[in-house]
Protein backbone atom coordinates (compact mmCIF):
# COMPACT_ATOMS: atom_id res chain seq x y z
CA UNK A 1 57.01 -57.34 -37.86
CA UNK A 2 60.52 -58.86 -38.05
CA UNK A 3 61.01 -62.17 -36.30
CA UNK A 4 62.23 -61.98 -32.72
CA UNK A 5 65.37 -63.79 -31.52
CA UNK A 6 65.00 -66.91 -29.38
CA UNK A 7 65.39 -66.08 -25.71
CA UNK A 8 68.79 -67.79 -25.27
CA UNK A 9 70.12 -65.60 -28.08
CA UNK A 10 69.23 -62.49 -26.06
CA UNK A 11 71.58 -63.52 -23.23
CA UNK A 12 74.71 -61.84 -24.49
CA UNK A 13 76.95 -62.63 -21.50
CA UNK A 14 76.01 -66.32 -21.63
CA UNK A 15 77.85 -66.69 -24.94
CA UNK A 16 81.20 -68.45 -24.89
CA UNK A 17 83.57 -69.99 -27.42
CA UNK A 18 86.48 -71.06 -25.23
CA UNK A 19 87.41 -74.56 -24.13
CA UNK A 20 88.21 -73.95 -20.47
CA UNK A 21 90.62 -76.94 -20.55
CA UNK A 22 90.67 -77.51 -16.79
CA UNK A 23 93.40 -80.14 -17.10
CA UNK A 24 95.89 -77.56 -18.42
CA UNK A 25 95.52 -75.43 -15.28
CA UNK A 26 97.75 -77.74 -13.28
CA UNK A 27 100.69 -77.15 -15.64
CA UNK A 28 101.03 -73.55 -14.52
CA UNK A 29 100.95 -70.19 -16.23
CA UNK A 30 104.63 -70.16 -17.26
CA UNK A 31 104.09 -73.25 -19.41
CA UNK A 32 100.90 -71.86 -20.91
CA UNK A 33 102.50 -68.49 -21.64
CA UNK A 34 105.39 -70.26 -23.39
CA UNK A 35 103.15 -72.12 -25.83
CA UNK A 36 103.40 -71.00 -29.43
CA UNK A 37 100.42 -68.80 -30.22
CA UNK A 38 99.54 -67.98 -26.60
CA UNK A 39 97.44 -64.85 -26.33
CA UNK A 40 97.05 -62.33 -23.49
CA UNK A 41 94.05 -60.13 -22.76
CA UNK A 42 94.69 -57.19 -20.47
CA UNK A 43 92.36 -56.16 -17.65
CA UNK A 44 92.67 -52.98 -15.56
CA UNK A 45 90.11 -51.95 -12.95
CA UNK A 46 87.44 -54.04 -14.63
CA UNK A 47 88.08 -52.64 -18.11
CA UNK A 48 89.71 -54.51 -20.96
CA UNK A 49 92.17 -53.40 -23.60
CA UNK A 50 90.46 -53.22 -27.00
CA UNK A 51 91.58 -53.81 -30.57
CA UNK A 52 88.69 -51.80 -32.01
CA UNK A 53 85.22 -50.62 -31.11
CA UNK A 54 83.80 -54.15 -31.01
CA UNK A 55 86.81 -56.41 -30.37
CA UNK A 56 89.03 -57.07 -27.40
CA UNK A 57 92.78 -57.18 -27.92
CA UNK A 58 94.35 -60.66 -27.91
CA UNK A 59 98.06 -59.89 -27.78
CA UNK A 60 101.06 -62.19 -28.28
CA UNK A 61 102.55 -63.13 -24.92
CA UNK A 62 105.84 -61.41 -25.76
CA UNK A 63 104.05 -58.04 -26.01
CA UNK A 64 102.65 -58.10 -22.47
CA UNK A 65 104.97 -58.02 -19.45
CA UNK A 66 104.29 -60.42 -16.61
CA UNK A 67 101.57 -59.17 -14.28
CA UNK A 68 101.26 -59.85 -10.57
CA UNK A 69 97.98 -61.67 -11.27
CA UNK A 70 97.45 -63.77 -14.37
CA UNK A 71 94.52 -66.09 -15.04
CA UNK A 72 94.24 -68.92 -17.56
CA UNK A 73 90.82 -68.63 -19.20
CA UNK A 74 90.94 -71.49 -21.69
CA UNK A 75 91.72 -72.25 -25.32
CA UNK A 76 90.23 -70.86 -28.48
CA UNK A 77 88.00 -73.33 -30.34
CA UNK A 78 88.29 -71.82 -33.81
CA UNK A 79 90.94 -69.99 -35.78
CA UNK A 80 90.66 -66.21 -36.15
CA UNK A 81 92.92 -63.48 -37.44
CA UNK A 82 94.12 -62.68 -33.92
CA UNK A 83 94.54 -66.25 -32.58
CA UNK A 84 94.96 -69.77 -33.89
CA UNK A 85 92.61 -72.55 -32.90
CA UNK A 86 93.66 -74.08 -29.58
CA UNK A 87 95.63 -71.03 -28.44
CA UNK A 88 95.75 -70.56 -24.66
CA UNK A 89 94.15 -67.28 -23.55
CA UNK A 90 95.47 -65.67 -20.37
CA UNK A 91 94.10 -62.58 -18.64
CA UNK A 92 96.75 -60.26 -17.20
CA UNK A 93 95.36 -58.04 -14.44
CA UNK A 94 97.64 -55.00 -14.56
CA UNK A 95 98.30 -51.98 -12.38
CA UNK A 96 98.33 -48.33 -13.44
CA UNK A 97 101.84 -48.16 -14.90
CA UNK A 98 101.42 -51.19 -17.15
CA UNK A 99 97.93 -50.03 -18.15
CA UNK A 100 99.30 -46.66 -19.25
CA UNK A 101 102.07 -48.31 -21.25
CA UNK A 102 99.85 -50.85 -22.98
CA UNK A 103 97.05 -48.37 -23.59
CA UNK A 104 99.11 -45.74 -25.42
CA UNK A 105 97.83 -46.78 -28.84
CA UNK A 106 94.63 -48.55 -27.77
CA UNK A 107 91.46 -47.82 -25.85
CA UNK A 108 89.78 -49.52 -22.90
CA UNK A 109 86.19 -50.66 -22.57
CA UNK A 110 83.81 -51.94 -19.90
CA UNK A 111 81.77 -55.13 -20.05
CA UNK A 112 78.44 -53.45 -19.22
CA UNK A 113 78.78 -51.14 -22.21
CA UNK A 114 80.33 -53.58 -24.67
CA UNK A 115 78.80 -56.94 -23.75
CA UNK A 116 76.00 -56.76 -26.31
CA UNK A 117 78.32 -55.48 -29.06
CA UNK A 118 81.12 -58.02 -28.86
CA UNK A 119 81.23 -61.28 -30.81
CA UNK A 120 80.53 -64.45 -28.81
CA UNK A 121 84.17 -65.39 -28.23
CA UNK A 122 85.14 -61.95 -26.95
CA UNK A 123 82.03 -61.61 -24.76
CA UNK A 124 82.80 -64.95 -23.12
CA UNK A 125 86.46 -64.09 -22.55
CA UNK A 126 85.60 -60.69 -21.07
CA UNK A 127 82.89 -62.09 -18.77
CA UNK A 128 85.09 -64.91 -17.48
CA UNK A 129 88.08 -62.62 -16.93
CA UNK A 130 86.07 -60.04 -14.98
CA UNK A 131 84.39 -62.68 -12.83
CA UNK A 132 87.63 -64.44 -11.96
CA UNK A 133 89.54 -61.20 -11.34
CA UNK A 134 86.79 -59.96 -9.02
CA UNK A 135 86.97 -63.17 -7.02
CA UNK A 136 90.73 -62.77 -6.56
CA UNK A 137 90.29 -59.14 -5.52
CA UNK A 138 87.96 -60.17 -2.68
CA UNK A 139 89.83 -63.32 -1.64
CA UNK A 140 93.26 -62.10 -0.58
CA UNK A 141 92.78 -63.39 2.96
CA UNK A 142 91.55 -66.67 4.35
CA UNK A 143 87.94 -66.62 5.57
CA UNK A 144 89.00 -69.12 8.25
CA UNK A 145 92.06 -67.51 9.79
CA UNK A 146 92.60 -64.13 8.14
CA UNK A 147 96.02 -65.18 6.87
CA UNK A 148 97.03 -64.11 3.33
CA UNK A 149 96.17 -66.45 0.45
CA UNK A 150 98.12 -66.96 -2.75
CA UNK A 151 96.82 -67.76 -6.25
CA UNK A 152 97.52 -71.17 -7.74
CA UNK A 153 96.32 -73.62 -10.38
CA UNK A 154 96.73 -70.96 -13.07
CA UNK A 155 94.35 -68.64 -11.25
CA UNK A 156 91.64 -71.13 -10.30
CA UNK A 157 92.44 -71.57 -6.61
CA UNK A 158 93.85 -69.58 -3.72
CA UNK A 159 95.78 -71.34 -0.99
CA UNK A 160 96.50 -70.55 2.63
CA UNK A 161 99.61 -72.02 4.21
CA UNK A 162 99.68 -72.84 7.93
CA UNK A 163 103.11 -71.61 9.15
CA UNK A 164 103.07 -74.04 12.06
CA UNK A 165 102.32 -77.25 10.18
CA UNK A 166 103.03 -76.43 6.56
CA UNK A 167 99.58 -77.72 5.65
CA UNK A 168 97.57 -75.70 3.16
CA UNK A 169 93.89 -75.00 2.67
CA UNK A 170 92.39 -74.35 -0.75
CA UNK A 171 89.65 -71.89 -1.70
CA UNK A 172 87.87 -71.96 -5.04
CA UNK A 173 85.88 -69.32 -6.93
CA UNK A 174 82.29 -68.80 -5.79
CA UNK A 175 79.22 -67.70 -7.72
CA UNK A 176 76.12 -66.31 -6.01
CA UNK A 177 72.76 -67.33 -7.48
CA UNK A 178 70.21 -64.54 -7.90
CA UNK A 179 66.74 -64.74 -9.40
CA UNK A 180 65.19 -62.07 -11.62
CA UNK A 181 61.53 -62.16 -12.51
CA UNK A 182 59.18 -60.87 -15.15
CA UNK A 183 55.91 -60.66 -13.18
CA UNK A 184 52.71 -60.44 -15.24
CA UNK A 185 49.06 -60.20 -14.22
CA UNK A 186 45.89 -61.65 -15.73
CA UNK A 187 45.84 -58.82 -18.29
CA UNK A 188 49.44 -59.62 -19.30
CA UNK A 189 50.75 -56.35 -17.85
CA UNK A 190 54.39 -56.36 -16.73
CA UNK A 191 55.50 -55.19 -13.28
CA UNK A 192 58.56 -52.94 -13.10
CA UNK A 193 60.19 -51.39 -10.07
CA UNK A 194 62.53 -48.49 -9.38
CA UNK A 195 65.33 -49.02 -6.88
CA UNK A 196 65.70 -46.44 -4.16
CA UNK A 197 69.30 -45.77 -5.21
CA UNK A 198 68.47 -45.10 -8.87
CA UNK A 199 67.65 -41.77 -10.48
CA UNK A 200 63.98 -41.07 -11.19
CA UNK A 201 62.58 -42.84 -14.23
CA UNK A 202 64.91 -45.85 -14.13
CA UNK A 203 62.97 -49.11 -13.86
CA UNK A 204 63.76 -52.81 -14.06
CA UNK A 205 62.46 -56.22 -12.99
CA UNK A 206 62.35 -57.47 -9.41
CA UNK A 207 65.36 -59.55 -8.41
CA UNK A 208 67.21 -60.86 -5.38
CA UNK A 209 69.70 -63.38 -4.07
CA UNK A 210 68.75 -66.96 -3.29
CA UNK A 211 68.96 -67.59 0.44
CA UNK A 212 70.57 -70.66 2.09
CA UNK A 213 68.37 -73.74 1.92
CA UNK A 214 66.06 -72.14 -0.66
CA UNK A 215 65.07 -73.31 -4.13
CA UNK A 216 65.10 -70.93 -7.08
CA UNK A 217 61.31 -71.10 -7.34
CA UNK A 218 60.85 -70.35 -3.64
CA UNK A 219 63.21 -67.39 -4.00
CA UNK A 220 61.05 -66.03 -6.82
CA UNK A 221 57.90 -66.12 -4.69
CA UNK A 222 59.63 -64.69 -1.60
CA UNK A 223 61.50 -61.86 -3.32
CA UNK A 224 58.49 -60.67 -5.29
CA UNK A 225 56.35 -60.58 -2.17
CA UNK A 226 59.02 -58.88 -0.05
CA UNK A 227 59.64 -56.15 -2.61
CA UNK A 228 56.12 -55.60 -3.97
CA UNK A 229 53.56 -57.19 -1.63
CA UNK A 230 52.28 -59.31 -4.53
CA UNK A 231 51.82 -63.06 -4.35
CA UNK A 232 52.94 -64.90 -7.48
CA UNK A 233 52.62 -68.50 -8.63
CA UNK A 234 53.88 -70.78 -11.40
CA UNK A 235 57.49 -69.53 -11.68
CA UNK A 236 58.83 -70.65 -15.05
CA UNK A 237 62.52 -70.77 -15.89
CA UNK A 238 63.64 -68.81 -18.95
CA UNK A 239 67.43 -68.90 -18.90
CA UNK A 240 70.50 -67.67 -17.06
CA UNK A 241 73.62 -65.65 -17.61
CA UNK A 242 76.62 -64.63 -15.50
CA UNK A 243 76.67 -61.11 -14.09
CA UNK A 244 80.20 -60.66 -12.74
CA UNK A 245 79.57 -57.43 -10.82
CA UNK A 246 80.99 -58.89 -8.70
CA UNK A 247 79.98 -62.59 -8.72
CA UNK A 248 76.38 -63.36 -9.61
CA UNK A 249 74.61 -65.87 -11.81
CA UNK A 250 71.30 -64.27 -12.80
CA UNK A 251 68.57 -66.90 -13.20
CA UNK A 252 65.63 -65.57 -15.18
CA UNK A 253 61.99 -66.47 -14.59
CA UNK A 254 58.50 -65.38 -15.43
CA UNK A 255 55.72 -65.65 -12.85
CA UNK A 256 52.02 -64.77 -12.78
CA UNK A 257 50.06 -63.10 -10.04
CA UNK A 258 48.51 -65.91 -7.99
CA UNK A 259 44.85 -66.60 -8.62
CA UNK A 260 42.73 -64.41 -6.38
CA UNK A 261 45.70 -62.30 -5.26
CA UNK A 262 45.60 -58.51 -5.46
CA UNK A 263 47.63 -56.60 -8.04
CA UNK A 264 47.87 -53.62 -5.74
CA UNK A 265 51.55 -52.95 -5.18
CA UNK A 266 53.29 -52.17 -1.91
CA UNK A 267 56.90 -51.04 -2.42
CA UNK A 268 59.04 -52.19 0.47
CA UNK A 269 60.20 -48.60 1.01
CA UNK A 270 63.74 -49.78 1.61
CA UNK A 271 65.04 -51.25 -1.62
CA UNK A 272 62.13 -50.48 -3.95
CA UNK A 273 60.90 -46.89 -4.19
CA UNK A 274 58.20 -47.23 -6.85
CA UNK A 275 56.33 -49.97 -8.69
CA UNK A 276 54.24 -49.72 -11.86
CA UNK A 277 52.27 -52.05 -14.10
CA UNK A 278 52.70 -51.57 -17.86
CA UNK A 279 50.89 -52.76 -20.93
CA UNK A 280 53.04 -53.09 -24.04
CA UNK A 281 51.60 -49.90 -25.44
CA UNK A 282 52.22 -47.99 -22.20
CA UNK A 283 55.79 -49.22 -22.00
CA UNK A 284 56.52 -48.30 -25.61
CA UNK A 285 55.09 -44.80 -25.14
CA UNK A 286 56.93 -44.18 -21.86
CA UNK A 287 60.27 -45.23 -23.33
CA UNK A 288 59.74 -43.16 -26.48
CA UNK A 289 58.85 -40.08 -24.41
CA UNK A 290 61.91 -40.47 -22.19
CA UNK A 291 59.84 -40.97 -19.03
CA UNK A 292 61.10 -44.54 -18.57
CA UNK A 293 64.66 -45.80 -18.70
CA UNK A 294 65.11 -49.53 -19.12
CA UNK A 295 68.13 -51.73 -18.33
CA UNK A 296 70.99 -52.01 -20.80
CA UNK A 297 71.15 -54.57 -23.59
CA UNK A 298 73.86 -56.51 -21.75
CA UNK A 299 71.54 -57.43 -18.87
CA UNK A 300 69.18 -60.38 -18.55
CA UNK A 301 66.57 -57.91 -17.27
CA UNK A 302 66.49 -56.28 -20.70
CA UNK A 303 66.25 -59.72 -22.34
CA UNK A 304 63.22 -60.72 -20.23
CA UNK A 305 61.48 -57.39 -20.85
CA UNK A 306 62.15 -57.67 -24.59
CA UNK A 307 60.87 -61.25 -24.64
CA UNK A 308 57.57 -60.14 -23.08
CA UNK A 309 57.29 -56.98 -25.19
CA UNK A 310 58.02 -58.59 -28.54
CA UNK A 311 58.84 -55.31 -30.30
CA UNK A 312 61.50 -52.63 -30.57
CA UNK A 313 62.28 -51.03 -27.21
CA UNK A 314 64.92 -48.68 -28.59
CA UNK A 315 68.43 -48.19 -27.22
CA UNK A 316 69.10 -48.22 -23.50
CA UNK A 317 69.89 -44.99 -21.69
CA UNK A 318 71.54 -46.65 -18.65
């Protein structure tokens, strides 16, 4: 059997090869755009302009008109054919007209589909751009007063001006922590669940957001019990990766059924429609027969399942 990759190498959206250069943000986007070698990546409705099947397009600044929203992502850390080392990379979030113009001779791609296929630099750029653009899309108004906010600091803050005093409040990007768990029993079977909103046959791991005042480990135990009725113990951290749909950090764990606890499942009937235990052989057979559809290769869920399985799961059908 061929050797399996180390778990961190399975986390395709955790890869990054940009220096985020936070000090350069204060200089403003005009200065960064004017630097020799500056490169622009173009984002439209969550999809990015491509330079091929497995590369995003890094375009010279002169080729991309100014967009209403531009975001400084960082600087390249190594030279490549499409950008010199140290080049500033800016994401331009464009509207329909600009997207049609720029896309005449190129194609667009989504992060879910391409994340596992892109090289590390491009995967990191795409993930960061989508996450930051999604935050701006949901942060156009102040959560305090409802007044409009404006982007600043090269895309890394939004500010609200008080018309009466001239004072301003600043709002920074947020990331929501969510746990995702590979639950196994004493026989080393893996628990998978089917969400009520998914088509029949689609299964994944149990997951959920961390609540206020809660540790990651406590969230593991609570979420598994709420969704399956199973008590787990000994949560063990595996790794994490961003999931910018719209703003999550997925924190991966394994956990075992608590000693003496039942393995009888009780789907919550609200979020989880069906739960099943699988041996490795049962999972392999179900996937091969088309009865079971697993998460895509871009997700940490797929990475955790593959880590437990240790063999070839075949391509995703999500």
